[in-house]
Amino acid sequence: MNYFSSDFKLGILGGGQLGKMLLSDTRKFDIQTYVLDPSDEAPSKIACNKFFKGDLMDYETVYNFGKQVDVITFEIELVNLEALTQLENEGVKVYPSPKTLKGIQNKGVQKDFYTKNNIPTAAYLRFNNPQDLQQSVGKNEMTIPFVWKCTEFGYDGNGVKVIRQISDMDHLPNVECIAETMVPFKNELAVIVCRNPSGEIKTYPVVEMEFHPEANQVEYVICPARIDEKVAEKARAIALNVSEKFNHVGLLAVEMFQTSDDEILVNEVAPRPHNSGHYSIEASYTSQFENHLRAILDLPLGNTDSKVAGVMVNLVGAEGFSGDVVYENIETILGWNGVTPHIYGKKQTRPFRKMGHVTIVNENMNEARRIAEDVKNTIKVISL
């Protein structure tokens, strides 16, 4: 297929900021882009050739959308698998495949997959509902403290809660869940793996993630991670093994814990471009978004090395503000060397909603991290 002068059509399920940034890299090719999203105000709407409003979990909506394109990919995992399977059976290329996605969509199934394939992960138990979990705690089968996660529909810290006392379980939603043993860790790390259908595979450098203590949301992504090289090699090897076992095509972001004794445990994965790879737009030879496109189109993968140290700062809605968004002081950081803001185009802010990010590149990692702190303290995402 000639992607540089053709009528080739790429379909993207989900029109959020990941889709918008992915669409930016499609301009390097000559392909038509179709996007399906439930919101009329999806950030991707301004960047694609054709936009369709619809429910990503509805069979007919996804199936009819997919019949119009040559290759389908997604920027969110919560999509109708039955429709994607049928489209794949009818010859539409779906990357990553519905089979891969089926093992990832549900976090309980995902954890079982790690256990079955001898992939190191934190000890856990699965429960049909909070009542079963409470009974397990009462029998001392699960001991406090632990991490509670809903198995589906969680994102950006939603659907995750640290249970430190019995009363913390009082208002958990009535959904299937898992309870994970608390891991004594030094760092939260991530490795993005890129793989095309021909089997070419590459990993990006290990990144270090610093989380907001209340929102359970990434505040900073630091590349390369400030860890021992042997630990980094171990993390990349485990990420490659996870990719091989899932047999994915495209990007696979593997989130991990570095334990206090330098073991690596897999936390969870995302089969798409990921927040932990946003730094790559400015800091890498080939961004995660371009490599996702190269992978799903079965083109040679680009160089995943970093040109320079990079730190990403997430811009999230400030507490106490909801409504039409204002980015206070953003003009100030535009005058700083090596600082690049990305505004996602969401019109409404609310506390901790991801509204954009800023990348800081610098030859000196410590200086990049210092500037990142200044960025975080300067920009305020508020409302009118």
Protein backbone atom coordinates (compact mmCIF):
# COMPACT_ATOMS: atom_id res chain seq x y z
CA MET A 1 0.00 0.00 0.00
CA ASN A 2 1.30 3.44 -0.96
CA TYR A 3 0.78 5.66 2.06
CA PHE A 4 2.41 8.69 0.45
CA SER A 5 0.09 9.25 -2.52
CA SER A 6 -3.11 7.31 -2.15
CA ASP A 7 -6.71 7.11 -1.04
CA PHE A 8 -5.68 5.08 1.99
CA LYS A 9 -8.04 5.59 4.96
CA LEU A 10 -7.00 5.28 8.59
CA GLY A 11 -9.72 5.01 11.23
CA ILE A 12 -9.11 6.05 14.84
CA LEU A 13 -11.49 5.03 17.60
CA GLY A 14 -11.46 7.82 20.17
CA GLY A 15 -10.91 11.51 19.53
CA GLY A 16 -9.14 12.74 22.65
CA GLN A 17 -5.72 14.32 22.98
CA LEU A 18 -3.89 11.12 22.05
CA GLY A 19 -5.79 11.01 18.77
CA LYS A 20 -5.09 14.69 18.15
CA MET A 21 -1.35 14.21 18.58
CA LEU A 22 -1.42 11.05 16.46
CA LEU A 23 -3.22 12.94 13.70
CA SER A 24 -0.47 15.56 13.70
CA ASP A 25 1.98 12.90 12.54
CA THR A 26 -0.34 11.59 9.81
CA ARG A 27 0.43 14.85 7.96
CA LYS A 28 3.86 13.39 7.17
CA PHE A 29 2.05 10.82 5.06
CA ASP A 30 -0.71 11.25 2.49
CA ILE A 31 -3.58 9.37 4.07
CA GLN A 32 -7.15 10.19 4.90
CA THR A 33 -8.07 10.10 8.57
CA TYR A 34 -11.46 9.18 10.05
CA VAL A 35 -12.23 9.61 13.76
CA LEU A 36 -15.11 8.25 15.87
CA ASP A 37 -15.83 9.79 19.28
CA PRO A 38 -18.94 10.30 21.44
CA SER A 39 -18.31 14.02 21.95
CA ASP A 40 -18.95 16.86 19.52
CA GLU A 41 -16.10 18.73 21.21
CA ALA A 42 -13.47 15.99 20.88
CA PRO A 43 -9.96 17.49 20.52
CA SER A 44 -9.34 15.39 17.37
CA LYS A 45 -12.28 16.88 15.51
CA ILE A 46 -10.23 19.79 14.14
CA ALA A 47 -7.39 17.57 12.94
CA CYS A 48 -8.99 14.76 10.90
CA ASN A 49 -10.48 14.52 7.42
CA LYS A 50 -13.81 13.14 8.62
CA PHE A 51 -15.29 13.13 12.11
CA PHE A 52 -18.13 10.87 13.25
CA LYS A 53 -19.99 11.21 16.52
CA GLY A 54 -20.93 7.90 18.10
CA ASP A 55 -20.69 5.42 20.97
CA LEU A 56 -17.41 3.48 20.95
CA MET A 57 -19.06 0.59 22.81
CA ASP A 58 -21.98 0.23 20.35
CA TYR A 59 -21.56 -2.67 17.91
CA GLU A 60 -23.32 -1.16 14.90
CA THR A 61 -21.64 2.23 15.32
CA VAL A 62 -18.13 0.77 15.45
CA TYR A 63 -18.82 -1.77 12.70
CA ASN A 64 -20.26 0.80 10.27
CA PHE A 65 -17.38 3.17 10.98
CA GLY A 66 -14.82 0.42 10.40
CA LYS A 67 -16.28 -0.59 7.03
CA GLN A 68 -15.23 2.81 5.65
CA VAL A 69 -11.49 2.47 6.38
CA ASP A 70 -8.50 0.26 5.55
CA VAL A 71 -6.82 0.13 8.96
CA ILE A 72 -8.33 0.77 12.41
CA THR A 73 -6.45 1.78 15.52
CA PHE A 74 -7.58 3.35 18.79
CA GLU A 75 -6.51 5.80 21.45
CA ILE A 76 -8.72 4.33 24.18
CA GLU A 77 -9.20 0.69 25.12
CA LEU A 78 -12.94 0.89 25.87
CA VAL A 79 -14.24 -0.04 22.43
CA ASN A 80 -16.59 -2.74 21.13
CA LEU A 81 -14.49 -5.88 20.67
CA GLU A 82 -17.19 -7.87 18.86
CA ALA A 83 -17.42 -5.27 16.10
CA LEU A 84 -13.63 -5.14 15.74
CA THR A 85 -13.44 -8.94 15.56
CA GLN A 86 -16.07 -9.02 12.81
CA LEU A 87 -14.27 -6.28 10.87
CA GLU A 88 -11.00 -8.18 11.17
CA ASN A 89 -12.73 -11.32 9.89
CA GLU A 90 -13.93 -9.32 6.88
CA GLY A 91 -10.42 -8.15 5.99
CA VAL A 92 -10.11 -4.81 7.74
CA LYS A 93 -6.76 -4.55 9.51
CA VAL A 94 -7.20 -3.81 13.24
CA TYR A 95 -4.07 -2.89 15.22
CA PRO A 96 -3.63 -3.80 17.99
CA SER A 97 -5.87 -6.80 17.34
CA PRO A 98 -9.12 -7.48 19.22
CA LYS A 99 -7.45 -10.61 20.64
CA THR A 100 -4.67 -8.49 22.16
CA LEU A 101 -7.15 -5.93 23.44
CA LYS A 102 -9.32 -8.65 25.03
CA GLY A 103 -6.46 -9.57 27.34
CA ILE A 104 -5.95 -5.95 28.40
CA GLN A 105 -9.39 -4.29 28.64
CA ASN A 106 -10.27 -5.95 31.94
CA LYS A 107 -7.59 -5.44 34.62
CA GLY A 108 -8.50 -8.71 36.32
CA VAL A 109 -8.00 -10.61 33.06
CA GLN A 110 -4.79 -8.65 32.52
CA LYS A 111 -3.43 -9.66 35.93
CA ASP A 112 -4.36 -13.30 35.30
CA PHE A 113 -2.43 -13.06 32.00
CA TYR A 114 0.73 -11.99 33.85
CA THR A 115 0.41 -14.87 36.30
CA LYS A 116 -0.20 -17.41 33.53
CA ASN A 117 2.83 -16.17 31.57
CA ASN A 118 5.21 -15.90 34.56
CA ILE A 119 5.46 -12.12 34.24
CA PRO A 120 6.38 -10.57 37.60
CA THR A 121 3.49 -8.59 39.11
CA ALA A 122 2.15 -7.68 42.55
CA ALA A 123 0.10 -10.35 44.37
CA TYR A 124 -3.66 -9.82 43.94
CA LEU A 125 -7.14 -11.27 44.35
CA ARG A 126 -10.17 -10.78 42.08
CA PHE A 127 -13.67 -10.04 43.39
CA ASN A 128 -17.10 -9.79 41.78
CA ASN A 129 -18.08 -6.83 43.98
CA PRO A 130 -17.05 -4.86 47.10
CA GLN A 131 -19.13 -7.15 49.32
CA ASP A 132 -16.99 -10.15 48.36
CA LEU A 133 -13.89 -8.06 48.99
CA GLN A 134 -15.10 -7.03 52.46
CA GLN A 135 -15.79 -10.67 53.33
CA SER A 136 -12.26 -11.58 52.21
CA VAL A 137 -10.81 -8.85 54.44
CA GLY A 138 -12.95 -10.09 57.33
CA LYS A 139 -11.46 -13.59 56.88
CA ASN A 140 -7.92 -12.13 56.67
CA GLU A 141 -7.54 -13.48 53.13
CA MET A 142 -6.74 -9.92 52.01
CA THR A 143 -4.93 -7.75 54.51
CA ILE A 144 -4.99 -3.97 54.84
CA PRO A 145 -3.36 -1.90 53.43
CA PHE A 146 -3.91 -2.78 49.76
CA VAL A 147 -4.72 -1.11 46.45
CA TRP A 148 -8.29 -1.41 45.16
CA LYS A 149 -8.90 -1.18 41.40
CA CYS A 150 -12.08 -1.52 39.39
CA THR A 151 -11.44 -3.93 36.52
CA GLU A 152 -13.04 -1.78 33.82
CA PHE A 153 -13.63 1.88 32.93
CA GLY A 154 -10.82 3.26 35.12
CA TYR A 155 -8.53 6.00 33.78
CA ASP A 156 -6.18 8.77 34.99
CA GLY A 157 -6.36 7.68 38.61
CA ASN A 158 -10.12 7.08 38.54
CA GLY A 159 -11.08 3.59 39.62
CA VAL A 160 -8.04 3.25 41.91
CA LYS A 161 -7.98 3.71 45.68
CA VAL A 162 -5.53 2.88 48.43
CA ILE A 163 -7.36 1.10 51.25
CA ARG A 164 -5.63 1.94 54.54
CA GLN A 165 -8.49 1.20 56.96
CA ILE A 166 -11.81 -0.67 56.97
CA SER A 167 -13.87 2.51 56.50
CA ASP A 168 -12.08 3.21 53.19
CA MET A 169 -14.19 0.41 51.66
CA ASP A 170 -17.53 1.95 52.68
CA HIS A 171 -18.27 3.79 49.44
CA LEU A 172 -16.60 1.69 46.77
CA PRO A 173 -18.69 1.36 43.59
CA ASN A 174 -20.57 -1.91 43.12
CA VAL A 175 -18.35 -3.29 40.34
CA GLU A 176 -15.93 -6.14 39.69
CA CYS A 177 -12.57 -5.30 41.22
CA ILE A 178 -9.13 -6.49 42.18
CA ALA A 179 -7.17 -5.96 45.38
CA GLU A 180 -3.40 -5.75 45.06
CA THR A 181 -0.81 -6.15 47.77
CA MET A 182 0.96 -2.87 48.51
CA VAL A 183 4.39 -2.94 46.86
CA PRO A 184 7.32 -1.25 48.66
CA PHE A 185 8.76 0.53 45.63
CA LYS A 186 11.49 3.08 44.94
CA ASN A 187 10.21 4.24 41.58
CA GLU A 188 7.32 3.94 39.16
CA LEU A 189 8.76 3.31 35.71
CA ALA A 190 7.44 2.80 32.19
CA VAL A 191 8.80 1.37 28.94
CA ILE A 192 7.09 1.89 25.59
CA VAL A 193 7.49 -0.98 23.14
CA CYS A 194 6.88 -0.51 19.43
CA ARG A 195 6.21 -3.48 17.11
CA ASN A 196 5.02 -3.85 13.52
CA PRO A 197 3.25 -6.84 11.88
CA SER A 198 6.52 -7.99 10.28
CA GLY A 199 7.95 -8.49 13.78
CA GLU A 200 10.36 -5.56 13.98
CA ILE A 201 10.42 -4.41 17.60
CA LYS A 202 12.03 -1.54 19.52
CA THR A 203 11.82 -0.07 23.00
CA TYR A 204 12.03 3.53 24.11
CA PRO A 205 14.31 4.33 27.07
CA VAL A 206 12.96 3.64 30.56
CA VAL A 207 11.15 6.66 31.98
CA GLU A 208 10.52 7.58 35.59
CA MET A 209 7.09 8.81 36.65
CA GLU A 210 6.36 11.08 39.58
CA PHE A 211 2.74 11.01 40.75
CA HIS A 212 0.46 13.56 42.38
CA PRO A 213 -0.09 12.27 45.95
CA GLU A 214 -3.86 12.92 45.98
CA ALA A 215 -5.04 12.47 42.38
CA ASN A 216 -2.97 9.29 41.74
CA GLN A 217 -2.07 10.92 38.43
CA VAL A 218 1.30 11.38 36.74
CA GLU A 219 2.72 14.86 37.36
CA TYR A 220 6.17 14.46 35.77
CA VAL A 221 7.69 12.00 33.31
CA ILE A 222 11.50 11.97 33.32
CA CYS A 223 13.57 10.47 30.49
CA PRO A 224 15.91 8.79 30.95
CA ALA A 225 14.90 7.42 34.35
CA ARG A 226 17.43 8.19 37.08
CA ILE A 227 18.12 4.52 37.84
CA ASP A 228 21.01 2.07 37.62
CA GLU A 229 21.71 0.83 34.10
CA LYS A 230 21.27 -2.81 35.13
CA VAL A 231 17.78 -2.03 36.45
CA ALA A 232 16.98 -0.20 33.20
CA GLU A 233 18.12 -3.20 31.15
CA LYS A 234 15.94 -5.49 33.27
CA ALA A 235 12.91 -3.22 32.79
CA ARG A 236 13.35 -3.13 29.01
CA ALA A 237 13.78 -6.92 28.86
CA ILE A 238 10.58 -7.49 30.86
CA ALA A 239 8.70 -5.01 28.65
CA LEU A 240 9.85 -6.89 25.55
CA ASN A 241 8.66 -10.16 27.10
CA VAL A 242 5.25 -8.64 27.89
CA SER A 243 4.99 -7.40 24.29
CA GLU A 244 5.91 -10.82 22.93
CA LYS A 245 3.34 -12.58 25.09
CA PHE A 246 0.55 -10.15 24.10
CA ASN A 247 1.67 -10.35 20.44
CA HIS A 248 0.65 -6.73 20.00
CA VAL A 249 1.11 -4.43 16.99
CA GLY A 250 1.60 -0.71 17.49
CA LEU A 251 2.64 0.75 20.83
CA LEU A 252 2.47 -0.99 24.19
CA ALA A 253 3.17 1.13 27.27
CA VAL A 254 4.30 -1.10 30.14
CA GLU A 255 4.00 0.53 33.57
CA MET A 256 6.20 -0.98 36.28
CA PHE A 257 7.36 -0.74 39.87
CA GLN A 258 11.04 -0.80 40.85
CA THR A 259 10.93 -2.45 44.28
CA SER A 260 13.11 -1.58 47.23
CA ASP A 261 15.40 -4.51 46.32
CA ASP A 262 15.54 -3.52 42.62
CA GLU A 263 13.13 -6.12 41.29
CA ILE A 264 10.77 -5.09 38.48
CA LEU A 265 7.03 -5.77 38.79
CA VAL A 266 4.58 -5.05 35.96
CA ASN A 267 1.70 -2.85 37.10
CA GLU A 268 -0.44 -2.59 33.95
CA VAL A 269 -0.21 -1.94 30.23
CA ALA A 270 -1.85 0.32 27.65
CA PRO A 271 -1.89 -0.79 23.96
CA ARG A 272 -1.68 2.71 22.45
CA PRO A 273 0.23 5.99 22.66
CA HIS A 274 0.60 6.85 26.32
CA ASN A 275 1.15 9.77 28.68
CA SER A 276 4.57 8.36 29.59
CA GLY A 277 5.71 8.86 25.98
CA HIS A 278 4.66 12.46 25.36
CA TYR A 279 8.19 13.69 26.03
CA SER A 280 9.24 11.92 22.80
CA ILE A 281 7.67 14.59 20.57
CA GLU A 282 10.52 16.96 21.39
CA ALA A 283 13.17 14.74 22.99
CA SER A 284 13.32 11.65 20.73
CA TYR A 285 14.49 11.08 17.17
CA THR A 286 11.07 9.55 16.44
CA SER A 287 8.04 10.39 18.56
CA GLN A 288 5.81 7.65 19.97
CA PHE A 289 3.01 8.89 17.70
CA GLU A 290 5.00 8.59 14.49
CA ASN A 291 6.24 5.15 15.53
CA HIS A 292 2.68 4.01 16.27
CA LEU A 293 1.75 4.99 12.71
CA ARG A 294 4.85 3.32 11.27
CA ALA A 295 3.99 0.16 13.20
CA ILE A 296 0.34 -0.18 12.23
CA LEU A 297 1.20 0.58 8.58
CA ASP A 298 3.97 -2.07 8.70
CA LEU A 299 6.68 0.43 7.83
CA PRO A 300 10.24 0.39 9.24
CA LEU A 301 10.28 1.68 12.81
CA GLY A 302 12.04 4.94 13.62
CA ASN A 303 14.92 5.52 16.01
CA THR A 304 13.60 5.42 19.59
CA ASP A 305 16.71 6.96 21.18
CA SER A 306 16.54 10.34 22.88
CA LYS A 307 18.37 13.32 21.37
CA VAL A 308 18.42 15.08 24.72
CA ALA A 309 17.12 14.68 28.27
CA GLY A 310 13.39 15.36 28.52
CA VAL A 311 10.91 16.04 31.29
CA MET A 312 7.17 16.25 30.74
CA VAL A 313 4.80 18.12 33.03
CA ASN A 314 1.10 17.32 32.90
CA LEU A 315 -1.20 20.34 32.92
CA VAL A 316 -4.32 19.44 34.86
CA GLY A 317 -7.28 21.42 36.06
CA ALA A 318 -6.65 23.20 39.36
CA GLU A 319 -8.70 22.25 42.38
CA GLY A 320 -11.68 24.50 42.96
CA PHE A 321 -12.17 25.42 39.29
CA SER A 322 -14.75 24.09 36.83
CA GLY A 323 -15.94 25.71 33.63
CA ASP A 324 -14.48 27.47 30.58
CA VAL A 325 -10.73 26.97 30.76
CA VAL A 326 -8.06 29.66 31.16
CA TYR A 327 -4.32 28.90 31.03
CA GLU A 328 -2.92 31.51 33.37
CA ASN A 329 0.70 32.64 32.76
CA ILE A 330 1.24 30.36 29.77
CA GLU A 331 2.84 33.26 27.87
CA THR A 332 5.57 33.40 30.52
CA ILE A 333 6.91 29.89 29.88
CA LEU A 334 6.97 30.46 26.12
CA GLY A 335 9.96 32.71 26.71
CA TRP A 336 11.98 29.93 28.38
CA ASN A 337 14.52 27.91 26.37
CA GLY A 338 13.65 24.28 25.68
CA VAL A 339 10.05 24.61 26.85
CA THR A 340 7.17 23.51 24.58
CA PRO A 341 3.51 23.54 25.65
CA HIS A 342 0.85 21.28 24.13
CA ILE A 343 -2.74 22.39 24.74
CA TYR A 344 -5.27 19.64 24.07
CA GLY A 345 -8.22 21.82 23.13
CA LYS A 346 -10.67 20.76 25.82
CA LYS A 347 -12.99 23.70 26.40
CA GLN A 348 -14.06 22.80 29.95
CA THR A 349 -11.74 22.33 32.90
CA ARG A 350 -12.43 20.54 36.17
CA PRO A 351 -10.16 19.47 39.04
CA PHE A 352 -7.36 17.15 37.86
CA ARG A 353 -8.67 16.85 34.29
CA LYS A 354 -5.78 16.49 31.83
CA MET A 355 -5.81 19.69 29.78
CA GLY A 356 -2.34 19.68 28.23
CA HIS A 357 1.32 19.02 28.88
CA VAL A 358 4.63 20.84 28.66
CA THR A 359 7.92 19.27 27.55
CA ILE A 360 11.26 20.58 28.80
CA VAL A 361 14.43 19.50 26.96
CA ASN A 362 17.94 20.22 28.19
CA GLU A 363 21.41 18.70 27.98
CA ASN A 364 21.40 18.60 31.78
CA MET A 365 18.74 16.40 33.38
CA ASN A 366 18.86 18.22 36.72
CA GLU A 367 18.30 21.54 34.97
CA ALA A 368 15.41 20.10 32.96
CA ARG A 369 13.78 18.85 36.17
CA ARG A 370 14.28 22.24 37.84
CA ILE A 371 12.65 24.07 34.92
CA ALA A 372 9.80 21.55 34.99
CA GLU A 373 9.13 22.50 38.60
CA ASP A 374 9.08 26.16 37.61
CA VAL A 375 6.62 25.38 34.81
CA LYS A 376 4.37 23.50 37.23
CA ASN A 377 4.39 26.41 39.65
CA THR A 378 3.85 29.07 36.97
CA ILE A 379 0.96 27.83 34.84
CA LYS A 380 -2.46 27.59 36.49
CA VAL A 381 -5.28 25.79 34.69
CA ILE A 382 -8.32 27.64 35.98
CA SER A 383 -11.75 28.75 34.76
CA LEU A 384 -13.38 32.06 33.99
